[in-house]
Amino acid sequence: MKKILVTGASGQLGSELRVLSENYSRFVWIFADRTQVSLGDLSVLENQLDLFHADIIINCAAYTAVDKAESEEGLANTINHLAVGVLASWSASNNAKLIHVSTDYVFDGNSEVALNESAPTNPINVYGATKLLGEQLCLTTNPEAIIIRTSWVYSSFGNNFVKTMSRLMQERDSLNVVNDQIGSPTYAADLAQAIIIIINHANWHAGIYNFSNAGEISWYEFALAIQEIGGFDCVIAGIPSSSYPTPAKRPAYSLLNKEKIESTFGVEVPDYNVSLRRCMGLLKD
């Protein structure tokens, strides 16, 4: 049986893959957290990979604290860039498949149309810059790798926008939410399902792919959808990003075009509202 190593196993995507793995017992699944596969410590990473010796690596681990990355550039670079090079090198040398998860933050946000995989990259914050370097090193070191760019990830696991908004809407009478950053959210369970489809596909097609849910919305509109589904009685106002300054700039527009992953692997892309209802249903249980 093939062994699948999932790094970042305690995160949102890793947790969703763990749920789905129960339906795919023909694989031996290894879910490794940062103590077992340490992307932040390059001196031990290769030995850890040797220990598990997986046939497929799904790298869900990343430094994702976007604002904190501005002051912790070294650590973000180690995890998002240099460690990805080690994963790519190990997988290439050991005839293993590698799926690496990246981000819409590799773009500058100046597009006016949904971004396909060949759209020019130009990150505007440290997090995006380190993730782009990781992508580049990954494909240079192992051209047979698959990279999946995603955006605005949420889940019933971990901390995320949906859970934060749901809580705040019950605690407060009013909220301000940014209305000039456009994209589409990604239910981590849907991304996990897309990854399962790829590893079960008859053919391995290396390269970069986009995945997020269908729809084009702002964070403000996302909050309104959460309010409607949750039935929360809270006044929500849309505000410009300039009224909510953060250490790291965010792309104003980072909607991803998903046609490539749909046509290549037959992945279905659910509408964001459908997936949001599924997730919030789990949160109510």
C-alpha atoms as a PDB file:
ATOM      1  CA  MET A   1       0.000   0.000   0.000  1.00  0.00           C
ATOM      2  CA  LYS A   2       1.180   3.498  -0.809  1.00  0.00           C
ATOM      3  CA  LYS A   3       2.055   5.749   2.097  1.00  0.00           C
ATOM      4  CA  ILE A   4       0.797   9.335   2.138  1.00  0.00           C
ATOM      5  CA  LEU A   5       2.484  11.853   4.406  1.00  0.00           C
ATOM      6  CA  VAL A   6       0.404  14.920   5.281  1.00  0.00           C
ATOM      7  CA  THR A   7       2.446  17.732   6.813  1.00  0.00           C
ATOM      8  CA  GLY A   8       0.770  20.451   8.861  1.00  0.00           C
ATOM      9  CA  ALA A   9      -1.715  17.806   9.978  1.00  0.00           C
ATOM     10  CA  SER A  10      -3.187  19.865  12.808  1.00  0.00           C
ATOM     11  CA  GLY A  11      -4.144  22.770  10.508  1.00  0.00           C
ATOM     12  CA  GLN A  12      -7.436  23.299   8.708  1.00  0.00           C
ATOM     13  CA  LEU A  13      -6.585  21.427   5.504  1.00  0.00           C
ATOM     14  CA  GLY A  14      -4.677  18.665   7.298  1.00  0.00           C
ATOM     15  CA  SER A  15      -7.641  18.132   9.608  1.00  0.00           C
ATOM     16  CA  GLU A  16     -10.070  17.901   6.675  1.00  0.00           C
ATOM     17  CA  LEU A  17      -7.785  15.408   4.913  1.00  0.00           C
ATOM     18  CA  ARG A  18      -7.763  13.317   8.091  1.00  0.00           C
ATOM     19  CA  VAL A  19     -11.581  13.156   7.999  1.00  0.00           C
ATOM     20  CA  LEU A  20     -11.614  12.107   4.339  1.00  0.00           C
ATOM     21  CA  SER A  21      -8.769   9.600   4.781  1.00  0.00           C
ATOM     22  CA  GLU A  22     -11.139   7.253   6.598  1.00  0.00           C
ATOM     23  CA  ASN A  23     -12.798   6.586   3.231  1.00  0.00           C
ATOM     24  CA  TYR A  24      -9.485   5.735   1.513  1.00  0.00           C
ATOM     25  CA  SER A  25      -8.075   2.825   3.462  1.00  0.00           C
ATOM     26  CA  ARG A  26      -6.118   1.577   0.454  1.00  0.00           C
ATOM     27  CA  PHE A  27      -3.519   4.171   1.456  1.00  0.00           C
ATOM     28  CA  VAL A  28      -1.464   4.235   4.611  1.00  0.00           C
ATOM     29  CA  TRP A  29      -1.990   7.756   5.941  1.00  0.00           C
ATOM     30  CA  ILE A  30       0.605   9.502   8.092  1.00  0.00           C
ATOM     31  CA  PHE A  31      -0.545  12.768   9.640  1.00  0.00           C
ATOM     32  CA  ALA A  32       2.461  14.687  10.918  1.00  0.00           C
ATOM     33  CA  ASP A  33       2.365  17.883  12.947  1.00  0.00           C
ATOM     34  CA  ARG A  34       5.281  20.295  13.359  1.00  0.00           C
ATOM     35  CA  THR A  35       6.918  18.096  16.011  1.00  0.00           C
ATOM     36  CA  GLN A  36       7.130  15.167  13.583  1.00  0.00           C
ATOM     37  CA  VAL A  37       7.968  17.044  10.388  1.00  0.00           C
ATOM     38  CA  SER A  38       9.654  20.314  11.294  1.00  0.00           C
ATOM     39  CA  LEU A  39       9.627  22.716   8.370  1.00  0.00           C
ATOM     40  CA  GLY A  40      11.065  25.342  10.679  1.00  0.00           C
ATOM     41  CA  ASP A  41      14.200  23.278  11.366  1.00  0.00           C
ATOM     42  CA  LEU A  42      16.030  22.382   8.161  1.00  0.00           C
ATOM     43  CA  SER A  43      18.731  20.483  10.058  1.00  0.00           C
ATOM     44  CA  VAL A  44      16.314  17.646  10.907  1.00  0.00           C
ATOM     45  CA  LEU A  45      13.768  17.812   8.077  1.00  0.00           C
ATOM     46  CA  GLU A  46      15.469  15.419   5.652  1.00  0.00           C
ATOM     47  CA  ASN A  47      15.990  12.805   8.375  1.00  0.00           C
ATOM     48  CA  GLN A  48      12.324  13.084   9.333  1.00  0.00           C
ATOM     49  CA  LEU A  49      11.304  12.513   5.723  1.00  0.00           C
ATOM     50  CA  ASP A  50      13.616   9.483   5.553  1.00  0.00           C
ATOM     51  CA  LEU A  51      11.919   8.085   8.642  1.00  0.00           C
ATOM     52  CA  PHE A  52       8.411   8.191   7.149  1.00  0.00           C
ATOM     53  CA  HIS A  53       9.569   7.444   3.569  1.00  0.00           C
ATOM     54  CA  ALA A  54       6.226   8.264   1.977  1.00  0.00           C
ATOM     55  CA  ASP A  55       5.182   7.622  -1.618  1.00  0.00           C
ATOM     56  CA  ILE A  56       3.116  10.816  -1.706  1.00  0.00           C
ATOM     57  CA  ILE A  57       3.703  14.008   0.291  1.00  0.00           C
ATOM     58  CA  ILE A  58       0.900  16.549   0.721  1.00  0.00           C
ATOM     59  CA  ASN A  59       2.451  19.693   2.147  1.00  0.00           C
ATOM     60  CA  CYS A  60      -0.242  21.551   4.077  1.00  0.00           C
ATOM     61  CA  ALA A  61       2.288  23.127   6.451  1.00  0.00           C
ATOM     62  CA  ALA A  62       3.035  26.836   6.094  1.00  0.00           C
ATOM     63  CA  TYR A  63       3.788  30.002   7.986  1.00  0.00           C
ATOM     64  CA  THR A  64       0.401  31.686   7.527  1.00  0.00           C
ATOM     65  CA  ALA A  65       0.438  34.577  10.027  1.00  0.00           C
ATOM     66  CA  VAL A  66       0.363  37.196   7.264  1.00  0.00           C
ATOM     67  CA  ASP A  67       0.870  40.285   9.437  1.00  0.00           C
ATOM     68  CA  LYS A  68       3.383  38.643  11.772  1.00  0.00           C
ATOM     69  CA  ALA A  69       5.470  37.576   8.766  1.00  0.00           C
ATOM     70  CA  GLU A  70       6.387  41.218   8.212  1.00  0.00           C
ATOM     71  CA  SER A  71       8.489  41.087  11.404  1.00  0.00           C
ATOM     72  CA  GLU A  72       9.391  37.369  11.257  1.00  0.00           C
ATOM     73  CA  GLU A  73      10.623  37.229   7.682  1.00  0.00           C
ATOM     74  CA  GLY A  74      13.391  34.739   8.470  1.00  0.00           C
ATOM     75  CA  LEU A  75      11.069  32.127   9.947  1.00  0.00           C
ATOM     76  CA  ALA A  76       8.441  32.661   7.235  1.00  0.00           C
ATOM     77  CA  ASN A  77      11.139  32.224   4.575  1.00  0.00           C
ATOM     78  CA  THR A  78      12.452  29.033   6.184  1.00  0.00           C
ATOM     79  CA  ILE A  79       9.011  27.389   6.340  1.00  0.00           C
ATOM     80  CA  ASN A  80       7.415  28.726   3.155  1.00  0.00           C
ATOM     81  CA  HIS A  81      10.490  28.699   0.900  1.00  0.00           C
ATOM     82  CA  LEU A  82      13.594  26.794   2.020  1.00  0.00           C
ATOM     83  CA  ALA A  83      11.784  23.843   3.606  1.00  0.00           C
ATOM     84  CA  VAL A  84       9.688  23.417   0.460  1.00  0.00           C
ATOM     85  CA  GLY A  85      12.966  23.024  -1.416  1.00  0.00           C
ATOM     86  CA  VAL A  86      13.916  20.179   0.933  1.00  0.00           C
ATOM     87  CA  LEU A  87      10.538  18.490   0.380  1.00  0.00           C
ATOM     88  CA  ALA A  88      10.912  18.875  -3.393  1.00  0.00           C
ATOM     89  CA  SER A  89      14.482  17.562  -3.376  1.00  0.00           C
ATOM     90  CA  TRP A  90      13.608  14.579  -1.177  1.00  0.00           C
ATOM     91  CA  SER A  91      10.556  13.658  -3.251  1.00  0.00           C
ATOM     92  CA  ALA A  92      12.531  13.916  -6.507  1.00  0.00           C
ATOM     93  CA  SER A  93      15.361  11.754  -5.137  1.00  0.00           C
ATOM     94  CA  ASN A  94      13.009   9.141  -3.687  1.00  0.00           C
ATOM     95  CA  ASN A  95      10.537   8.874  -6.570  1.00  0.00           C
ATOM     96  CA  ALA A  96       7.736  10.288  -4.436  1.00  0.00           C
ATOM     97  CA  LYS A  97       4.862  12.489  -5.574  1.00  0.00           C
ATOM     98  CA  LEU A  98       4.593  15.972  -4.048  1.00  0.00           C
ATOM     99  CA  ILE A  99       1.547  18.212  -3.733  1.00  0.00           C
ATOM    100  CA  HIS A 100       2.385  21.624  -2.284  1.00  0.00           C
ATOM    101  CA  VAL A 101      -0.295  24.118  -1.211  1.00  0.00           C
ATOM    102  CA  SER A 102       0.280  27.787  -2.038  1.00  0.00           C
ATOM    103  CA  THR A 103      -1.715  31.016  -2.013  1.00  0.00           C
ATOM    104  CA  ASP A 104      -3.434  33.774  -3.979  1.00  0.00           C
ATOM    105  CA  TYR A 105      -1.105  36.196  -2.139  1.00  0.00           C
ATOM    106  CA  VAL A 106       1.540  35.580  -4.810  1.00  0.00           C
ATOM    107  CA  PHE A 107      -0.418  38.181  -6.828  1.00  0.00           C
ATOM    108  CA  ASP A 108      -0.414  41.963  -6.379  1.00  0.00           C
ATOM    109  CA  GLY A 109      -4.183  42.395  -6.654  1.00  0.00           C
ATOM    110  CA  ASN A 110      -4.143  44.699  -9.673  1.00  0.00           C
ATOM    111  CA  SER A 111      -5.989  42.342 -12.022  1.00  0.00           C
ATOM    112  CA  GLU A 112      -9.588  42.918 -13.048  1.00  0.00           C
ATOM    113  CA  VAL A 113     -10.228  39.384 -14.288  1.00  0.00           C
ATOM    114  CA  ALA A 114      -9.994  36.007 -12.555  1.00  0.00           C
ATOM    115  CA  LEU A 115      -6.339  34.978 -12.378  1.00  0.00           C
ATOM    116  CA  ASN A 116      -5.229  31.840 -14.181  1.00  0.00           C
ATOM    117  CA  GLU A 117      -2.093  29.863 -13.374  1.00  0.00           C
ATOM    118  CA  SER A 118       0.080  31.771 -15.861  1.00  0.00           C
ATOM    119  CA  ALA A 119      -0.926  35.251 -14.654  1.00  0.00           C
ATOM    120  CA  PRO A 120       2.119  37.337 -13.638  1.00  0.00           C
ATOM    121  CA  THR A 121       3.032  37.108  -9.960  1.00  0.00           C
ATOM    122  CA  ASN A 122       4.086  40.106  -7.903  1.00  0.00           C
ATOM    123  CA  PRO A 123       3.527  39.648  -4.148  1.00  0.00           C
ATOM    124  CA  ILE A 124       3.018  42.758  -2.015  1.00  0.00           C
ATOM    125  CA  ASN A 125       3.796  41.290   1.415  1.00  0.00           C
ATOM    126  CA  VAL A 126       6.406  39.027   3.026  1.00  0.00           C
ATOM    127  CA  TYR A 127       4.048  36.075   3.308  1.00  0.00           C
ATOM    128  CA  GLY A 128       3.234  36.187  -0.414  1.00  0.00           C
ATOM    129  CA  ALA A 129       6.895  36.692  -1.330  1.00  0.00           C
ATOM    130  CA  THR A 130       8.041  33.664   0.681  1.00  0.00           C
ATOM    131  CA  LYS A 131       5.241  31.511  -0.736  1.00  0.00           C
ATOM    132  CA  LEU A 132       6.205  32.495  -4.292  1.00  0.00           C
ATOM    133  CA  LEU A 133       9.854  31.652  -3.620  1.00  0.00           C
ATOM    134  CA  GLY A 134       8.653  28.288  -2.304  1.00  0.00           C
ATOM    135  CA  GLU A 135       6.689  27.648  -5.490  1.00  0.00           C
ATOM    136  CA  GLN A 136       9.664  28.523  -7.673  1.00  0.00           C
ATOM    137  CA  LEU A 137      12.123  26.390  -5.709  1.00  0.00           C
ATOM    138  CA  CYS A 138       9.626  23.527  -5.647  1.00  0.00           C
ATOM    139  CA  LEU A 139       9.225  23.357  -9.427  1.00  0.00           C
ATOM    140  CA  THR A 140      12.916  24.011 -10.130  1.00  0.00           C
ATOM    141  CA  THR A 141      13.969  21.222  -7.780  1.00  0.00           C
ATOM    142  CA  ASN A 142      11.154  18.846  -8.701  1.00  0.00           C
ATOM    143  CA  PRO A 143       9.407  19.650 -12.013  1.00  0.00           C
ATOM    144  CA  GLU A 144       7.036  16.726 -11.367  1.00  0.00           C
ATOM    145  CA  ALA A 145       5.462  18.415  -8.344  1.00  0.00           C
ATOM    146  CA  ILE A 146       1.909  19.754  -8.225  1.00  0.00           C
ATOM    147  CA  ILE A 147       1.252  23.156  -6.655  1.00  0.00           C
ATOM    148  CA  ILE A 148      -2.271  24.216  -5.689  1.00  0.00           C
ATOM    149  CA  ARG A 149      -2.916  27.906  -5.064  1.00  0.00           C
ATOM    150  CA  THR A 150      -5.894  28.624  -2.854  1.00  0.00           C
ATOM    151  CA  SER A 151      -7.464  31.568  -1.039  1.00  0.00           C
ATOM    152  CA  TRP A 152      -9.424  32.646   2.056  1.00  0.00           C
ATOM    153  CA  VAL A 153      -9.378  29.176   3.633  1.00  0.00           C
ATOM    154  CA  TYR A 154     -11.857  28.298   6.382  1.00  0.00           C
ATOM    155  CA  SER A 155     -13.048  25.120   8.070  1.00  0.00           C
ATOM    156  CA  SER A 156     -14.889  23.773  11.093  1.00  0.00           C
ATOM    157  CA  PHE A 157     -11.357  23.152  12.402  1.00  0.00           C
ATOM    158  CA  GLY A 158      -8.913  25.799  13.617  1.00  0.00           C
ATOM    159  CA  ASN A 159      -9.249  29.563  13.658  1.00  0.00           C
ATOM    160  CA  ASN A 160     -10.648  31.337  10.623  1.00  0.00           C
ATOM    161  CA  PHE A 161     -12.868  34.152   9.362  1.00  0.00           C
ATOM    162  CA  VAL A 162     -16.105  32.159   9.478  1.00  0.00           C
ATOM    163  CA  LYS A 163     -15.686  31.102  13.106  1.00  0.00           C
ATOM    164  CA  THR A 164     -14.459  34.541  14.180  1.00  0.00           C
ATOM    165  CA  MET A 165     -17.336  36.348  12.465  1.00  0.00           C
ATOM    166  CA  SER A 166     -19.893  33.889  13.848  1.00  0.00           C
ATOM    167  CA  ARG A 167     -18.624  34.549  17.365  1.00  0.00           C
ATOM    168  CA  LEU A 168     -18.371  38.335  17.009  1.00  0.00           C
ATOM    169  CA  MET A 169     -21.840  38.610  15.480  1.00  0.00           C
ATOM    170  CA  GLN A 170     -23.237  37.031  18.632  1.00  0.00           C
ATOM    171  CA  GLU A 171     -21.141  39.219  20.946  1.00  0.00           C
ATOM    172  CA  ARG A 172     -21.527  42.629  19.301  1.00  0.00           C
ATOM    173  CA  ASP A 173     -24.284  44.864  17.989  1.00  0.00           C
ATOM    174  CA  SER A 174     -22.257  46.016  14.969  1.00  0.00           C
ATOM    175  CA  LEU A 175     -19.175  45.092  12.959  1.00  0.00           C
ATOM    176  CA  ASN A 176     -17.046  46.747  10.267  1.00  0.00           C
ATOM    177  CA  VAL A 177     -15.697  44.498   7.515  1.00  0.00           C
ATOM    178  CA  VAL A 178     -13.425  45.384   4.589  1.00  0.00           C
ATOM    179  CA  ASN A 179     -15.375  45.696   1.330  1.00  0.00           C
ATOM    180  CA  ASP A 180     -12.665  46.434  -1.255  1.00  0.00           C
ATOM    181  CA  GLN A 181     -10.739  43.137  -1.257  1.00  0.00           C
ATOM    182  CA  ILE A 182     -12.267  40.779  -3.831  1.00  0.00           C
ATOM    183  CA  GLY A 183     -11.769  37.031  -4.188  1.00  0.00           C
ATOM    184  CA  SER A 184     -13.450  33.784  -3.224  1.00  0.00           C
ATOM    185  CA  PRO A 185     -13.345  31.764  -0.001  1.00  0.00           C
ATOM    186  CA  THR A 186     -12.233  28.145   0.114  1.00  0.00           C
ATOM    187  CA  TYR A 187     -13.864  25.544   2.331  1.00  0.00           C
ATOM    188  CA  ALA A 188     -10.901  23.382   3.326  1.00  0.00           C
ATOM    189  CA  ALA A 189     -13.050  20.245   3.036  1.00  0.00           C
ATOM    190  CA  ASP A 190     -13.567  21.021  -0.666  1.00  0.00           C
ATOM    191  CA  LEU A 191      -9.838  21.554  -1.196  1.00  0.00           C
ATOM    192  CA  ALA A 192      -9.123  18.285   0.622  1.00  0.00           C
ATOM    193  CA  GLN A 193     -11.578  16.511  -1.701  1.00  0.00           C
ATOM    194  CA  ALA A 194      -9.848  18.044  -4.737  1.00  0.00           C
ATOM    195  CA  ILE A 195      -6.500  16.725  -3.484  1.00  0.00           C
ATOM    196  CA  ILE A 196      -8.002  13.256  -2.978  1.00  0.00           C
ATOM    197  CA  ILE A 197      -9.287  13.331  -6.581  1.00  0.00           C
ATOM    198  CA  ILE A 198      -5.810  14.269  -7.838  1.00  0.00           C
ATOM    199  CA  ILE A 199      -3.996  11.472  -5.982  1.00  0.00           C
ATOM    200  CA  ASN A 200      -6.590   8.945  -7.218  1.00  0.00           C
ATOM    201  CA  HIS A 201      -6.504  10.187 -10.818  1.00  0.00           C
ATOM    202  CA  ALA A 202      -5.185   7.818 -13.471  1.00  0.00           C
ATOM    203  CA  ASN A 203      -2.614  10.377 -14.648  1.00  0.00           C
ATOM    204  CA  TRP A 204      -0.303  12.706 -12.765  1.00  0.00           C
ATOM    205  CA  HIS A 205      -0.168  16.110 -14.424  1.00  0.00           C
ATOM    206  CA  ALA A 206       2.550  18.248 -12.801  1.00  0.00           C
ATOM    207  CA  GLY A 207       2.359  22.022 -12.547  1.00  0.00           C
ATOM    208  CA  ILE A 208       0.415  24.821 -10.883  1.00  0.00           C
ATOM    209  CA  TYR A 209      -3.348  24.705 -10.307  1.00  0.00           C
ATOM    210  CA  ASN A 210      -5.856  27.061  -8.708  1.00  0.00           C
ATOM    211  CA  PHE A 211      -8.613  26.008  -6.344  1.00  0.00           C
ATOM    212  CA  SER A 212     -11.176  28.016  -4.403  1.00  0.00           C
ATOM    213  CA  ASN A 213     -14.940  27.927  -4.257  1.00  0.00           C
ATOM    214  CA  ALA A 214     -17.017  29.453  -7.057  1.00  0.00           C
ATOM    215  CA  GLY A 215     -18.174  33.029  -6.683  1.00  0.00           C
ATOM    216  CA  GLU A 216     -16.711  36.527  -6.602  1.00  0.00           C
ATOM    217  CA  ILE A 217     -17.205  38.405  -3.335  1.00  0.00           C
ATOM    218  CA  SER A 218     -15.602  40.809  -0.870  1.00  0.00           C
ATOM    219  CA  TRP A 219     -14.876  40.019   2.774  1.00  0.00           C
ATOM    220  CA  TYR A 220     -17.894  42.229   3.587  1.00  0.00           C
ATOM    221  CA  GLU A 221     -20.153  40.128   1.356  1.00  0.00           C
ATOM    222  CA  PHE A 222     -18.664  36.990   2.912  1.00  0.00           C
ATOM    223  CA  ALA A 223     -19.616  38.354   6.338  1.00  0.00           C
ATOM    224  CA  LEU A 224     -23.163  39.076   5.138  1.00  0.00           C
ATOM    225  CA  ALA A 225     -23.479  35.462   3.925  1.00  0.00           C
ATOM    226  CA  ILE A 226     -22.286  34.209   7.323  1.00  0.00           C
ATOM    227  CA  GLN A 227     -24.821  36.482   9.022  1.00  0.00           C
ATOM    228  CA  GLU A 228     -27.684  35.246   6.840  1.00  0.00           C
ATOM    229  CA  ILE A 229     -26.905  31.559   7.295  1.00  0.00           C
ATOM    230  CA  GLY A 230     -26.312  31.939  11.026  1.00  0.00           C
ATOM    231  CA  GLY A 231     -29.346  34.146  11.554  1.00  0.00           C
ATOM    232  CA  PHE A 232     -27.252  36.607  13.556  1.00  0.00           C
ATOM    233  CA  ASP A 233     -28.748  39.934  14.609  1.00  0.00           C
ATOM    234  CA  CYS A 234     -25.822  42.293  14.053  1.00  0.00           C
ATOM    235  CA  VAL A 235     -25.366  45.420  11.928  1.00  0.00           C
ATOM    236  CA  ILE A 236     -22.490  44.913   9.458  1.00  0.00           C
ATOM    237  CA  ALA A 237     -20.928  47.877   7.674  1.00  0.00           C
ATOM    238  CA  GLY A 238     -18.528  47.725   4.735  1.00  0.00           C
ATOM    239  CA  ILE A 239     -15.351  49.797   5.106  1.00  0.00           C
ATOM    240  CA  PRO A 240     -12.343  50.439   2.827  1.00  0.00           C
ATOM    241  CA  SER A 241      -9.013  48.754   3.586  1.00  0.00           C
ATOM    242  CA  SER A 242      -7.586  52.207   4.292  1.00  0.00           C
ATOM    243  CA  SER A 243      -9.819  52.393   7.374  1.00  0.00           C
ATOM    244  CA  TYR A 244      -8.409  49.127   8.697  1.00  0.00           C
ATOM    245  CA  PRO A 245      -4.610  49.356   8.327  1.00  0.00           C
ATOM    246  CA  THR A 246      -2.595  46.160   8.841  1.00  0.00           C
ATOM    247  CA  PRO A 247       1.182  45.527   8.912  1.00  0.00           C
ATOM    248  CA  ALA A 248       0.916  43.531   5.668  1.00  0.00           C
ATOM    249  CA  LYS A 249      -0.827  44.805   2.536  1.00  0.00           C
ATOM    250  CA  ARG A 250      -3.485  42.545   1.020  1.00  0.00           C
ATOM    251  CA  PRO A 251      -4.214  42.109  -2.700  1.00  0.00           C
ATOM    252  CA  ALA A 252      -7.309  44.108  -3.669  1.00  0.00           C
ATOM    253  CA  TYR A 253      -8.325  41.477  -6.231  1.00  0.00           C
ATOM    254  CA  SER A 254      -7.226  37.843  -6.136  1.00  0.00           C
ATOM    255  CA  LEU A 255     -10.076  35.834  -7.616  1.00  0.00           C
ATOM    256  CA  LEU A 256      -8.675  32.550  -8.954  1.00  0.00           C
ATOM    257  CA  ASN A 257      -9.688  30.956 -12.263  1.00  0.00           C
ATOM    258  CA  LYS A 258     -10.332  27.242 -11.612  1.00  0.00           C
ATOM    259  CA  GLU A 259     -10.801  25.987 -15.183  1.00  0.00           C
ATOM    260  CA  LYS A 260      -7.459  24.141 -15.322  1.00  0.00           C
ATOM    261  CA  ILE A 261      -8.048  21.918 -12.274  1.00  0.00           C
ATOM    262  CA  GLU A 262     -11.615  21.240 -13.441  1.00  0.00           C
ATOM    263  CA  SER A 263     -10.614  20.168 -16.950  1.00  0.00           C
ATOM    264  CA  THR A 264      -7.409  18.298 -16.025  1.00  0.00           C
ATOM    265  CA  PHE A 265      -8.615  16.257 -13.052  1.00  0.00           C
ATOM    266  CA  GLY A 266     -12.410  16.520 -13.248  1.00  0.00           C
ATOM    267  CA  VAL A 267     -12.549  18.406  -9.951  1.00  0.00           C
ATOM    268  CA  GLU A 268     -15.909  19.971  -9.186  1.00  0.00           C
ATOM    269  CA  VAL A 269     -15.864  23.469  -7.701  1.00  0.00           C
ATOM    270  CA  PRO A 270     -18.842  24.058  -5.376  1.00  0.00           C
ATOM    271  CA  ASP A 271     -20.395  27.502  -5.008  1.00  0.00           C
ATOM    272  CA  TYR A 272     -19.075  29.328  -1.952  1.00  0.00           C
ATOM    273  CA  ASN A 273     -22.563  29.708  -0.458  1.00  0.00           C
ATOM    274  CA  VAL A 274     -23.286  25.986  -0.662  1.00  0.00           C
ATOM    275  CA  SER A 275     -20.000  25.128   1.038  1.00  0.00           C
ATOM    276  CA  LEU A 276     -20.424  27.835   3.657  1.00  0.00           C
ATOM    277  CA  ARG A 277     -23.798  26.337   4.614  1.00  0.00           C
ATOM    278  CA  ARG A 278     -22.216  22.892   4.934  1.00  0.00           C
ATOM    279  CA  CYS A 279     -19.476  24.181   7.214  1.00  0.00           C
ATOM    280  CA  MET A 280     -21.763  26.289   9.381  1.00  0.00           C
ATOM    281  CA  GLY A 281     -24.089  23.311   9.717  1.00  0.00           C
ATOM    282  CA  LEU A 282     -21.230  21.377  11.278  1.00  0.00           C
ATOM    283  CA  LEU A 283     -20.438  24.271  13.606  1.00  0.00           C
ATOM    284  CA  LYS A 284     -24.024  24.255  14.891  1.00  0.00           C
ATOM    285  CA  ASP A 285     -23.978  20.511  15.656  1.00  0.00           C
END
